[in-house]
N, C-alpha and C. Protein backbone atom coordinates (compact mmCIF):
# COMPACT_ATOMS: atom_id res chain seq x y z
N MET A 1 -58.86 -29.15 -115.01
CA MET A 1 -59.37 -28.46 -116.19
C MET A 1 -59.29 -29.40 -117.39
N ALA A 2 -60.43 -29.65 -117.94
CA ALA A 2 -60.52 -30.56 -119.07
C ALA A 2 -60.43 -29.79 -120.39
N VAL A 3 -59.70 -30.35 -121.34
CA VAL A 3 -59.60 -29.75 -122.67
C VAL A 3 -60.55 -30.51 -123.59
N GLN A 4 -61.41 -29.76 -124.29
CA GLN A 4 -62.38 -30.37 -125.18
C GLN A 4 -62.35 -29.68 -126.52
N ARG A 5 -62.71 -30.42 -127.56
CA ARG A 5 -62.83 -29.83 -128.90
C ARG A 5 -64.14 -29.07 -128.98
N ALA A 6 -64.11 -27.96 -129.72
CA ALA A 6 -65.30 -27.13 -129.87
C ALA A 6 -65.25 -26.44 -131.23
N VAL A 7 -66.38 -25.84 -131.61
CA VAL A 7 -66.50 -25.12 -132.87
C VAL A 7 -66.98 -23.70 -132.55
N VAL A 8 -66.32 -22.70 -133.14
CA VAL A 8 -66.73 -21.31 -132.93
C VAL A 8 -68.06 -21.08 -133.63
N ILE A 9 -69.05 -20.58 -132.89
CA ILE A 9 -70.36 -20.32 -133.50
C ILE A 9 -70.71 -18.83 -133.53
N GLU A 10 -70.00 -18.02 -132.72
CA GLU A 10 -70.30 -16.59 -132.70
C GLU A 10 -69.08 -15.82 -132.19
N ILE A 11 -68.81 -14.67 -132.79
CA ILE A 11 -67.73 -13.79 -132.35
C ILE A 11 -68.37 -12.68 -131.52
N LEU A 12 -67.92 -12.54 -130.28
CA LEU A 12 -68.48 -11.57 -129.35
C LEU A 12 -67.52 -10.40 -129.16
N PRO A 13 -67.99 -9.29 -128.59
CA PRO A 13 -67.09 -8.16 -128.30
C PRO A 13 -66.03 -8.54 -127.26
N SER A 14 -65.02 -7.74 -127.16
CA SER A 14 -63.92 -7.88 -126.19
C SER A 14 -63.15 -9.18 -126.37
N ALA A 15 -62.92 -9.57 -127.60
CA ALA A 15 -62.11 -10.76 -127.93
C ALA A 15 -62.65 -12.03 -127.29
N ALA A 16 -63.95 -12.15 -127.21
CA ALA A 16 -64.58 -13.35 -126.68
C ALA A 16 -65.29 -14.08 -127.82
N TYR A 17 -65.48 -15.37 -127.63
CA TYR A 17 -66.10 -16.21 -128.66
C TYR A 17 -67.10 -17.14 -127.99
N ARG A 18 -68.22 -17.38 -128.66
CA ARG A 18 -69.16 -18.40 -128.19
C ARG A 18 -68.83 -19.66 -128.98
N VAL A 19 -68.54 -20.73 -128.26
CA VAL A 19 -68.17 -21.99 -128.90
C VAL A 19 -69.15 -23.08 -128.46
N GLU A 20 -69.28 -24.08 -129.31
CA GLU A 20 -70.16 -25.20 -129.00
C GLU A 20 -69.32 -26.45 -128.87
N LEU A 21 -69.44 -27.10 -127.73
CA LEU A 21 -68.69 -28.32 -127.46
C LEU A 21 -69.34 -29.49 -128.18
N GLY A 22 -68.68 -30.62 -128.15
CA GLY A 22 -69.22 -31.82 -128.78
C GLY A 22 -70.51 -32.29 -128.14
N SER A 23 -70.73 -31.94 -126.88
CA SER A 23 -71.96 -32.32 -126.16
C SER A 23 -73.09 -31.32 -126.40
N ARG A 24 -72.93 -30.43 -127.37
CA ARG A 24 -73.90 -29.38 -127.75
C ARG A 24 -74.02 -28.28 -126.69
N GLN A 25 -73.17 -28.27 -125.68
CA GLN A 25 -73.17 -27.21 -124.68
C GLN A 25 -72.46 -25.99 -125.24
N GLN A 26 -73.00 -24.80 -125.02
CA GLN A 26 -72.37 -23.57 -125.49
C GLN A 26 -71.61 -22.91 -124.35
N VAL A 27 -70.40 -22.43 -124.67
CA VAL A 27 -69.50 -21.85 -123.68
C VAL A 27 -68.94 -20.55 -124.24
N VAL A 28 -68.76 -19.55 -123.39
CA VAL A 28 -68.10 -18.31 -123.78
C VAL A 28 -66.62 -18.48 -123.46
N ALA A 29 -65.77 -18.27 -124.47
CA ALA A 29 -64.34 -18.50 -124.28
C ALA A 29 -63.53 -17.32 -124.81
N HIS A 30 -62.35 -17.14 -124.25
CA HIS A 30 -61.42 -16.12 -124.73
C HIS A 30 -60.11 -16.82 -125.10
N LEU A 31 -59.25 -16.12 -125.82
CA LEU A 31 -57.98 -16.70 -126.23
C LEU A 31 -57.00 -16.71 -125.06
N ALA A 32 -56.31 -17.81 -124.89
CA ALA A 32 -55.26 -17.90 -123.89
C ALA A 32 -54.11 -16.99 -124.30
N PRO A 33 -53.34 -16.46 -123.36
CA PRO A 33 -52.25 -15.54 -123.71
C PRO A 33 -51.25 -16.12 -124.71
N ALA A 34 -50.95 -17.40 -124.64
CA ALA A 34 -50.00 -18.00 -125.58
C ALA A 34 -50.54 -17.98 -127.00
N VAL A 35 -51.84 -18.14 -127.15
CA VAL A 35 -52.46 -18.11 -128.48
C VAL A 35 -52.50 -16.68 -128.99
N GLN A 36 -52.74 -15.71 -128.10
CA GLN A 36 -52.82 -14.31 -128.50
C GLN A 36 -51.49 -13.81 -129.06
N ARG A 37 -50.38 -14.30 -128.51
CA ARG A 37 -49.06 -13.85 -128.97
C ARG A 37 -48.82 -14.19 -130.43
N ASN A 38 -49.45 -15.24 -130.91
CA ASN A 38 -49.25 -15.67 -132.29
C ASN A 38 -50.22 -15.00 -133.26
N PHE A 39 -50.99 -14.06 -132.82
CA PHE A 39 -51.97 -13.32 -133.63
C PHE A 39 -52.85 -14.28 -134.43
N VAL A 40 -53.78 -14.86 -133.72
CA VAL A 40 -54.71 -15.80 -134.33
C VAL A 40 -56.01 -15.06 -134.61
N ARG A 41 -56.50 -15.20 -135.81
CA ARG A 41 -57.80 -14.63 -136.16
C ARG A 41 -58.77 -15.79 -136.35
N LEU A 42 -59.77 -15.85 -135.50
CA LEU A 42 -60.75 -16.93 -135.57
C LEU A 42 -61.98 -16.48 -136.36
N ARG A 43 -62.55 -17.43 -137.04
CA ARG A 43 -63.79 -17.19 -137.79
C ARG A 43 -64.83 -18.20 -137.34
N VAL A 44 -66.07 -17.94 -137.69
CA VAL A 44 -67.15 -18.87 -137.38
C VAL A 44 -66.85 -20.20 -138.09
N ARG A 45 -67.13 -21.29 -137.42
CA ARG A 45 -66.92 -22.67 -137.88
C ARG A 45 -65.47 -23.14 -137.77
N ASP A 46 -64.59 -22.37 -137.15
CA ASP A 46 -63.23 -22.84 -136.89
C ASP A 46 -63.27 -23.82 -135.72
N GLU A 47 -62.44 -24.87 -135.80
CA GLU A 47 -62.34 -25.84 -134.71
C GLU A 47 -61.23 -25.42 -133.77
N VAL A 48 -61.51 -25.50 -132.47
CA VAL A 48 -60.55 -25.10 -131.44
C VAL A 48 -60.57 -26.11 -130.31
N GLU A 49 -59.56 -26.04 -129.45
CA GLU A 49 -59.56 -26.80 -128.21
C GLU A 49 -59.76 -25.81 -127.07
N VAL A 50 -60.72 -26.11 -126.21
CA VAL A 50 -61.12 -25.21 -125.13
C VAL A 50 -60.84 -25.87 -123.79
N GLU A 51 -60.22 -25.10 -122.90
CA GLU A 51 -59.99 -25.55 -121.52
C GLU A 51 -61.08 -24.91 -120.67
N LEU A 52 -61.94 -25.72 -120.09
CA LEU A 52 -63.06 -25.19 -119.29
C LEU A 52 -62.59 -24.78 -117.91
N ALA A 53 -63.18 -23.71 -117.39
CA ALA A 53 -62.85 -23.23 -116.06
C ALA A 53 -63.47 -24.16 -115.02
N SER A 54 -62.73 -24.48 -113.98
CA SER A 54 -63.23 -25.40 -112.96
C SER A 54 -64.33 -24.77 -112.11
N GLU A 55 -64.27 -23.47 -111.90
CA GLU A 55 -65.28 -22.81 -111.05
C GLU A 55 -66.54 -22.42 -111.81
N ASP A 56 -66.47 -22.28 -113.13
CA ASP A 56 -67.64 -21.91 -113.93
C ASP A 56 -67.58 -22.67 -115.26
N PRO A 57 -68.35 -23.74 -115.39
CA PRO A 57 -68.28 -24.54 -116.62
C PRO A 57 -68.84 -23.85 -117.86
N ALA A 58 -69.41 -22.66 -117.71
CA ALA A 58 -69.93 -21.92 -118.86
C ALA A 58 -68.88 -20.97 -119.44
N ARG A 59 -67.66 -20.99 -118.86
CA ARG A 59 -66.58 -20.14 -119.36
C ARG A 59 -65.35 -21.00 -119.61
N GLY A 60 -64.52 -20.53 -120.52
CA GLY A 60 -63.31 -21.28 -120.81
C GLY A 60 -62.32 -20.43 -121.57
N ARG A 61 -61.19 -21.06 -121.92
CA ARG A 61 -60.18 -20.36 -122.71
C ARG A 61 -59.76 -21.25 -123.88
N ILE A 62 -59.52 -20.61 -124.99
CA ILE A 62 -59.11 -21.30 -126.19
C ILE A 62 -57.60 -21.50 -126.12
N VAL A 63 -57.17 -22.75 -126.07
CA VAL A 63 -55.74 -23.04 -125.90
C VAL A 63 -55.07 -23.46 -127.20
N LYS A 64 -55.85 -23.88 -128.20
CA LYS A 64 -55.25 -24.32 -129.44
C LYS A 64 -56.28 -24.21 -130.58
N VAL A 65 -55.80 -23.81 -131.73
CA VAL A 65 -56.64 -23.78 -132.93
C VAL A 65 -56.29 -25.03 -133.73
N VAL A 66 -57.32 -25.83 -134.02
CA VAL A 66 -57.11 -27.08 -134.76
C VAL A 66 -57.01 -26.74 -136.23
N PRO A 67 -55.93 -27.15 -136.90
CA PRO A 67 -55.78 -26.82 -138.33
C PRO A 67 -56.90 -27.46 -139.15
N SER A 68 -57.34 -26.75 -140.17
CA SER A 68 -58.41 -27.26 -141.02
C SER A 68 -57.87 -28.37 -141.91
N ARG A 69 -58.76 -29.21 -142.40
CA ARG A 69 -58.36 -30.35 -143.21
C ARG A 69 -58.29 -30.02 -144.69
N ASP A 70 -58.43 -28.78 -145.06
CA ASP A 70 -58.44 -28.39 -146.48
C ASP A 70 -57.13 -28.63 -147.15
C-alpha cells in the first residue's frame, strides 16, 4: 500500500471524500480509524496523505492531514 499526497476536492456523504492525487487521478477516500479518533474536520483544498487500497486503486483511506503552511 503506497502512501501519496492528495488534495480534497469534494466532500461526499457517509464521511467519504474525493481527493486528487499528484498524478491528477481522483480517488474516493475515507478517514482511517486513527484519524477519526482525533476528530478531524476536512475542508475542500486541504492536503492529506492517502493510502491506496491494493485491490482497488480508485479507493483509499486518509491516514494523515498535512498541516497548512499558513
